[in-house]
Structure formats: structure tokens, C-alpha cells
PDB file of N, CA and C in Angstrom:
ATOM      1  N   MET A   1       4.762  26.779   3.806  1.00  0.00           N
ATOM      2  CA  MET A   1       3.582  26.835   2.985  1.00  0.00           C
ATOM      3  C   MET A   1       2.630  25.726   3.441  1.00  0.00           C
ATOM      4  N   ALA A   2       1.398  26.051   3.593  1.00  0.00           N
ATOM      5  CA  ALA A   2       0.379  25.092   4.036  1.00  0.00           C
ATOM      6  C   ALA A   2      -0.097  24.249   2.858  1.00  0.00           C
ATOM      7  N   MET A   3      -0.573  23.053   3.199  1.00  0.00           N
ATOM      8  CA  MET A   3      -1.064  22.143   2.175  1.00  0.00           C
ATOM      9  C   MET A   3      -2.199  21.325   2.761  1.00  0.00           C
ATOM     10  N   THR A   4      -3.212  21.092   1.957  1.00  0.00           N
ATOM     11  CA  THR A   4      -4.303  20.217   2.367  1.00  0.00           C
ATOM     12  C   THR A   4      -4.050  18.849   1.760  1.00  0.00           C
ATOM     13  N   LEU A   5      -4.071  17.828   2.597  1.00  0.00           N
ATOM     14  CA  LEU A   5      -3.864  16.460   2.137  1.00  0.00           C
ATOM     15  C   LEU A   5      -5.217  15.773   2.114  1.00  0.00           C
ATOM     16  N   ARG A   6      -5.640  15.353   0.955  1.00  0.00           N
ATOM     17  CA  ARG A   6      -6.940  14.695   0.814  1.00  0.00           C
ATOM     18  C   ARG A   6      -6.736  13.187   0.835  1.00  0.00           C
ATOM     19  N   LEU A   7      -7.315  12.549   1.833  1.00  0.00           N
ATOM     20  CA  LEU A   7      -7.211  11.107   2.005  1.00  0.00           C
ATOM     21  C   LEU A   7      -8.588  10.477   1.932  1.00  0.00           C
ATOM     22  N   THR A   8      -8.621   9.224   1.514  1.00  0.00           N
ATOM     23  CA  THR A   8      -9.878   8.486   1.592  1.00  0.00           C
ATOM     24  C   THR A   8     -10.153   8.206   3.068  1.00  0.00           C
ATOM     25  N   ASP A   9     -11.361   7.793   3.372  1.00  0.00           N
ATOM     26  CA  ASP A   9     -11.689   7.454   4.758  1.00  0.00           C
ATOM     27  C   ASP A   9     -10.775   6.348   5.276  1.00  0.00           C
ATOM     28  N   GLU A  10     -10.502   5.370   4.429  1.00  0.00           N
ATOM     29  CA  GLU A  10      -9.641   4.251   4.826  1.00  0.00           C
ATOM     30  C   GLU A  10      -8.208   4.723   5.089  1.00  0.00           C
ATOM     31  N   GLU A  11      -7.687   5.581   4.217  1.00  0.00           N
ATOM     32  CA  GLU A  11      -6.336   6.110   4.415  1.00  0.00           C
ATOM     33  C   GLU A  11      -6.258   6.942   5.690  1.00  0.00           C
ATOM     34  N   ASN A  12      -7.275   7.745   5.923  1.00  0.00           N
ATOM     35  CA  ASN A  12      -7.317   8.565   7.129  1.00  0.00           C
ATOM     36  C   ASN A  12      -7.356   7.692   8.382  1.00  0.00           C
ATOM     37  N   GLN A  13      -8.117   6.605   8.324  1.00  0.00           N
ATOM     38  CA  GLN A  13      -8.195   5.686   9.456  1.00  0.00           C
ATOM     39  C   GLN A  13      -6.836   5.039   9.713  1.00  0.00           C
ATOM     40  N   ARG A  14      -6.176   4.611   8.659  1.00  0.00           N
ATOM     41  CA  ARG A  14      -4.845   4.004   8.800  1.00  0.00           C
ATOM     42  C   ARG A  14      -3.853   4.998   9.399  1.00  0.00           C
ATOM     43  N   LEU A  15      -3.909   6.226   8.919  1.00  0.00           N
ATOM     44  CA  LEU A  15      -3.026   7.265   9.436  1.00  0.00           C
ATOM     45  C   LEU A  15      -3.300   7.517  10.910  1.00  0.00           C
ATOM     46  N   ALA A  16      -4.563   7.575  11.278  1.00  0.00           N
ATOM     47  CA  ALA A  16      -4.931   7.778  12.682  1.00  0.00           C
ATOM     48  C   ALA A  16      -4.434   6.623  13.549  1.00  0.00           C
ATOM     49  N   GLU A  17      -4.550   5.401  13.047  1.00  0.00           N
ATOM     50  CA  GLU A  17      -4.079   4.235  13.797  1.00  0.00           C
ATOM     51  C   GLU A  17      -2.565   4.267  13.975  1.00  0.00           C
ATOM     52  N   LEU A  18      -1.848   4.626  12.908  1.00  0.00           N
ATOM     53  CA  LEU A  18      -0.391   4.745  13.015  1.00  0.00           C
ATOM     54  C   LEU A  18      -0.004   5.809  14.034  1.00  0.00           C
ATOM     55  N   ALA A  19      -0.652   6.948  13.948  1.00  0.00           N
ATOM     56  CA  ALA A  19      -0.342   8.044  14.863  1.00  0.00           C
ATOM     57  C   ALA A  19      -0.602   7.636  16.308  1.00  0.00           C
ATOM     58  N   ALA A  20      -1.718   6.983  16.548  1.00  0.00           N
ATOM     59  CA  ALA A  20      -2.046   6.548  17.907  1.00  0.00           C
ATOM     60  C   ALA A  20      -1.035   5.519  18.407  1.00  0.00           C
ATOM     61  N   ALA A  21      -0.670   4.579  17.552  1.00  0.00           N
ATOM     62  CA  ALA A  21       0.276   3.532  17.942  1.00  0.00           C
ATOM     63  C   ALA A  21       1.653   4.108  18.261  1.00  0.00           C
ATOM     64  N   GLU A  22       2.026   5.175  17.569  1.00  0.00           N
ATOM     65  CA  GLU A  22       3.340   5.778  17.757  1.00  0.00           C
ATOM     66  C   GLU A  22       3.323   6.935  18.748  1.00  0.00           C
ATOM     67  N   GLY A  23       2.133   7.303  19.207  1.00  0.00           N
ATOM     68  CA  GLY A  23       2.027   8.415  20.148  1.00  0.00           C
ATOM     69  C   GLY A  23       2.406   9.750  19.529  1.00  0.00           C
ATOM     70  N   ARG A  24       2.103   9.887  18.243  1.00  0.00           N
ATOM     71  CA  ARG A  24       2.421  11.125  17.534  1.00  0.00           C
ATOM     72  C   ARG A  24       1.172  11.643  16.838  1.00  0.00           C
ATOM     73  N   SER A  25       1.257  12.866  16.357  1.00  0.00           N
ATOM     74  CA  SER A  25       0.136  13.417  15.600  1.00  0.00           C
ATOM     75  C   SER A  25       0.161  12.857  14.183  1.00  0.00           C
ATOM     76  N   LYS A  26      -0.980  12.959  13.506  1.00  0.00           N
ATOM     77  CA  LYS A  26      -1.042  12.515  12.116  1.00  0.00           C
ATOM     78  C   LYS A  26      -0.067  13.329  11.268  1.00  0.00           C
ATOM     79  N   GLN A  27       0.049  14.603  11.559  1.00  0.00           N
ATOM     80  CA  GLN A  27       0.979  15.456  10.818  1.00  0.00           C
ATOM     81  C   GLN A  27       2.413  14.974  10.995  1.00  0.00           C
ATOM     82  N   GLU A  28       2.786  14.612  12.206  1.00  0.00           N
ATOM     83  CA  GLU A  28       4.139  14.116  12.453  1.00  0.00           C
ATOM     84  C   GLU A  28       4.410  12.819  11.695  1.00  0.00           C
ATOM     85  N   VAL A  29       3.419  11.942  11.634  1.00  0.00           N
ATOM     86  CA  VAL A  29       3.580  10.678  10.914  1.00  0.00           C
ATOM     87  C   VAL A  29       3.787  10.946   9.424  1.00  0.00           C
ATOM     88  N   VAL A  30       3.004  11.831   8.847  1.00  0.00           N
ATOM     89  CA  VAL A  30       3.130  12.148   7.424  1.00  0.00           C
ATOM     90  C   VAL A  30       4.478  12.807   7.144  1.00  0.00           C
ATOM     91  N   ARG A  31       4.883  13.743   7.985  1.00  0.00           N
ATOM     92  CA  ARG A  31       6.165  14.419   7.780  1.00  0.00           C
ATOM     93  C   ARG A  31       7.326  13.441   7.886  1.00  0.00           C
ATOM     94  N   SER A  32       7.243  12.515   8.819  1.00  0.00           N
ATOM     95  CA  SER A  32       8.281  11.501   8.981  1.00  0.00           C
ATOM     96  C   SER A  32       8.337  10.581   7.765  1.00  0.00           C
ATOM     97  N   ALA A  33       7.170  10.181   7.270  1.00  0.00           N
ATOM     98  CA  ALA A  33       7.117   9.318   6.085  1.00  0.00           C
ATOM     99  C   ALA A  33       7.721  10.030   4.876  1.00  0.00           C
ATOM    100  N   LEU A  34       7.446  11.303   4.737  1.00  0.00           N
ATOM    101  CA  LEU A  34       8.009  12.085   3.642  1.00  0.00           C
ATOM    102  C   LEU A  34       9.527  12.162   3.762  1.00  0.00           C
ATOM    103  N   ALA A  35      10.026  12.434   4.954  1.00  0.00           N
ATOM    104  CA  ALA A  35      11.474  12.513   5.168  1.00  0.00           C
ATOM    105  C   ALA A  35      12.147  11.177   4.876  1.00  0.00           C
ATOM    106  N   ASP A  36      11.531  10.086   5.313  1.00  0.00           N
ATOM    107  CA  ASP A  36      12.086   8.752   5.059  1.00  0.00           C
ATOM    108  C   ASP A  36      12.129   8.449   3.565  1.00  0.00           C
ATOM    109  N   ARG A  37      11.055   8.742   2.873  1.00  0.00           N
ATOM    110  CA  ARG A  37      10.989   8.463   1.429  1.00  0.00           C
ATOM    111  C   ARG A  37      11.984   9.315   0.666  1.00  0.00           C
ATOM    112  N   TRP A  38      12.124  10.578   1.064  1.00  0.00           N
ATOM    113  CA  TRP A  38      13.078  11.470   0.406  1.00  0.00           C
ATOM    114  C   TRP A  38      14.498  10.948   0.601  1.00  0.00           C
ATOM    115  N   ALA A  39      14.840  10.532   1.824  1.00  0.00           N
ATOM    116  CA  ALA A  39      16.175  10.007   2.113  1.00  0.00           C
ATOM    117  C   ALA A  39      16.446   8.745   1.303  1.00  0.00           C
ATOM    118  N   ARG A  40      15.459   7.867   1.202  1.00  0.00           N
ATOM    119  CA  ARG A  40      15.614   6.635   0.426  1.00  0.00           C
ATOM    120  C   ARG A  40      15.840   6.959  -1.054  1.00  0.00           C
ATOM    121  N   GLN A  41      15.094   7.915  -1.579  1.00  0.00           N
ATOM    122  CA  GLN A  41      15.243   8.307  -2.982  1.00  0.00           C
ATOM    123  C   GLN A  41      16.631   8.895  -3.226  1.00  0.00           C
ATOM    124  N   GLN A  42      17.137   9.689  -2.293  1.00  0.00           N
ATOM    125  CA  GLN A  42      18.469  10.267  -2.429  1.00  0.00           C
ATOM    126  C   GLN A  42      19.541   9.183  -2.461  1.00  0.00           C
ATOM    127  N   LYS A  43      19.412   8.181  -1.596  1.00  0.00           N
ATOM    128  CA  LYS A  43      20.373   7.072  -1.582  1.00  0.00           C
ATOM    129  C   LYS A  43      20.320   6.287  -2.889  1.00  0.00           C
ATOM    130  N   GLU A  44      19.120   6.048  -3.391  1.00  0.00           N
ATOM    131  CA  GLU A  44      18.969   5.338  -4.665  1.00  0.00           C
ATOM    132  C   GLU A  44      19.617   6.128  -5.797  1.00  0.00           C
ATOM    133  N   GLN A  45      19.425   7.432  -5.788  1.00  0.00           N
ATOM    134  CA  GLN A  45      20.007   8.285  -6.823  1.00  0.00           C
ATOM    135  C   GLN A  45      21.531   8.261  -6.737  1.00  0.00           C
ATOM    136  N   GLN A  46      22.076   8.328  -5.529  1.00  0.00           N
ATOM    137  CA  GLN A  46      23.527   8.274  -5.362  1.00  0.00           C
ATOM    138  C   GLN A  46      24.084   6.943  -5.849  1.00  0.00           C
ATOM    139  N   LEU A  47      23.411   5.859  -5.520  1.00  0.00           N
ATOM    140  CA  LEU A  47      23.852   4.539  -5.965  1.00  0.00           C
ATOM    141  C   LEU A  47      23.815   4.441  -7.486  1.00  0.00           C
ATOM    142  N   ASP A  48      22.756   4.935  -8.093  1.00  0.00           N
ATOM    143  CA  ASP A  48      22.656   4.923  -9.555  1.00  0.00           C
ATOM    144  C   ASP A  48      23.816   5.695 -10.188  1.00  0.00           C
ATOM    145  N   GLU A  49      24.165   6.844  -9.593  1.00  0.00           N
ATOM    146  CA  GLU A  49      25.263   7.651 -10.124  1.00  0.00           C
ATOM    147  C   GLU A  49      26.589   6.901 -10.027  1.00  0.00           C
ATOM    148  N   VAL A  50      26.818   6.228  -8.905  1.00  0.00           N
ATOM    149  CA  VAL A  50      28.050   5.456  -8.727  1.00  0.00           C
ATOM    150  C   VAL A  50      28.104   4.311  -9.728  1.00  0.00           C
ATOM    151  N   VAL A  51      27.008   3.593  -9.879  1.00  0.00           N
ATOM    152  CA  VAL A  51      26.973   2.469 -10.820  1.00  0.00           C
ATOM    153  C   VAL A  51      27.245   2.956 -12.240  1.00  0.00           C
ATOM    154  N   GLN A  52      26.645   4.052 -12.638  1.00  0.00           N
ATOM    155  CA  GLN A  52      26.853   4.584 -13.987  1.00  0.00           C
ATOM    156  C   GLN A  52      28.303   4.998 -14.215  1.00  0.00           C
ATOM    157  N   ARG A  53      28.979   5.438 -13.160  1.00  0.00           N
ATOM    158  CA  ARG A  53      30.362   5.865 -13.264  1.00  0.00           C
ATOM    159  C   ARG A  53      31.329   4.673 -13.237  1.00  0.00           C
ATOM    160  N   VAL A  54      31.029   3.666 -12.431  1.00  0.00           N
ATOM    161  CA  VAL A  54      31.943   2.549 -12.208  1.00  0.00           C
ATOM    162  C   VAL A  54      31.735   1.408 -13.201  1.00  0.00           C
ATOM    163  N   LEU A  55      30.508   1.145 -13.573  1.00  0.00           N
ATOM    164  CA  LEU A  55      30.206  -0.001 -14.432  1.00  0.00           C
ATOM    165  C   LEU A  55      31.022  -0.020 -15.726  1.00  0.00           C
ATOM    166  N   PRO A  56      31.119   1.076 -16.456  1.00  0.00           N
ATOM    167  CA  PRO A  56      31.908   1.024 -17.697  1.00  0.00           C
ATOM    168  C   PRO A  56      33.374   0.636 -17.458  1.00  0.00           C
ATOM    169  N   ARG A  57      33.921   1.054 -16.339  1.00  0.00           N
ATOM    170  CA  ARG A  57      35.315   0.758 -16.028  1.00  0.00           C
ATOM    171  C   ARG A  57      35.549  -0.745 -15.867  1.00  0.00           C
ATOM    172  N   TYR A  58      34.581  -1.438 -15.301  1.00  0.00           N
ATOM    173  CA  TYR A  58      34.742  -2.856 -14.995  1.00  0.00           C
ATOM    174  C   TYR A  58      33.907  -3.771 -15.893  1.00  0.00           C
ATOM    175  N   ARG A  59      33.392  -3.248 -16.982  1.00  0.00           N
ATOM    176  CA  ARG A  59      32.521  -4.022 -17.870  1.00  0.00           C
ATOM    177  C   ARG A  59      33.212  -5.297 -18.361  1.00  0.00           C
ATOM    178  N   GLY A  60      34.457  -5.194 -18.831  1.00  0.00           N
ATOM    179  CA  GLY A  60      35.174  -6.360 -19.339  1.00  0.00           C
ATOM    180  C   GLY A  60      35.349  -7.428 -18.276  1.00  0.00           C
ATOM    181  N   LEU A  61      35.734  -7.020 -17.085  1.00  0.00           N
ATOM    182  CA  LEU A  61      35.916  -7.964 -15.985  1.00  0.00           C
ATOM    183  C   LEU A  61      34.595  -8.627 -15.614  1.00  0.00           C
ATOM    184  N   LEU A  62      33.543  -7.852 -15.548  1.00  0.00           N
ATOM    185  CA  LEU A  62      32.234  -8.410 -15.210  1.00  0.00           C
ATOM    186  C   LEU A  62      31.763  -9.398 -16.274  1.00  0.00           C
ATOM    187  N   ASP A  63      32.035  -9.087 -17.534  1.00  0.00           N
ATOM    188  CA  ASP A  63      31.668 -10.017 -18.610  1.00  0.00           C
ATOM    189  C   ASP A  63      32.428 -11.332 -18.472  1.00  0.00           C
ATOM    190  N   LYS A  64      33.719 -11.247 -18.151  1.00  0.00           N
ATOM    191  CA  LYS A  64      34.525 -12.458 -17.971  1.00  0.00           C
ATOM    192  C   LYS A  64      34.024 -13.278 -16.787  1.00  0.00           C
ATOM    193  N   LEU A  65      33.715 -12.604 -15.694  1.00  0.00           N
ATOM    194  CA  LEU A  65      33.200 -13.309 -14.515  1.00  0.00           C
ATOM    195  C   LEU A  65      31.846 -13.951 -14.805  1.00  0.00           C
ATOM    196  N   GLY A  66      31.040 -13.268 -15.600  1.00  0.00           N
ATOM    197  CA  GLY A  66      29.714 -13.784 -15.927  1.00  0.00           C
ATOM    198  C   GLY A  66      29.762 -15.032 -16.790  1.00  0.00           C
ATOM    199  N   SER A  67      30.783 -15.159 -17.607  1.00  0.00           N
ATOM    200  CA  SER A  67      30.866 -16.329 -18.480  1.00  0.00           C
ATOM    201  C   SER A  67      31.740 -17.435 -17.890  1.00  0.00           C
ATOM    202  N   ALA A  68      32.265 -17.224 -16.702  1.00  0.00           N
ATOM    203  CA  ALA A  68      33.112 -18.257 -16.057  1.00  0.00           C
ATOM    204  C   ALA A  68      32.271 -19.330 -15.398  1.00  0.00           C
TER     205      ALA A  68
END
């Protein structure tokens, strides 16, 4: 599905500079940034799920360590 990305002149200039510096198209830079952000969000979500599952199990120990 196609999408139009509306950028300010300054954002467009920054994108063009990044693309030129990396030897890629502006589209490739945006797609890469999206993939990177999505991967980071997935890792954060996985970590949150692990913490929510593990934290209650070790709450007493963590409280004891915190007051030591």
C-alpha cells in the first residue's frame, strides 16, 4: 500500500542529507528507521512482559536487598 509522507522542509533536508551520507534513497532511510524502531519496540515489550512475570516471584528478595 502506498503512503505519502509529509515532511517539513527542514525534515526533508535532514532526510536528504542522511540518504546522501549513507548512499541510499530517502525511501530506504525511512524504511530502515521504521524497521529499527519496530524492533526496538518489540524488545521493550518482551522485556516488560518478562519483568511483569518475574518481579512478583522475587519481590520479597528484592525488598530485602533494597533495605540491606
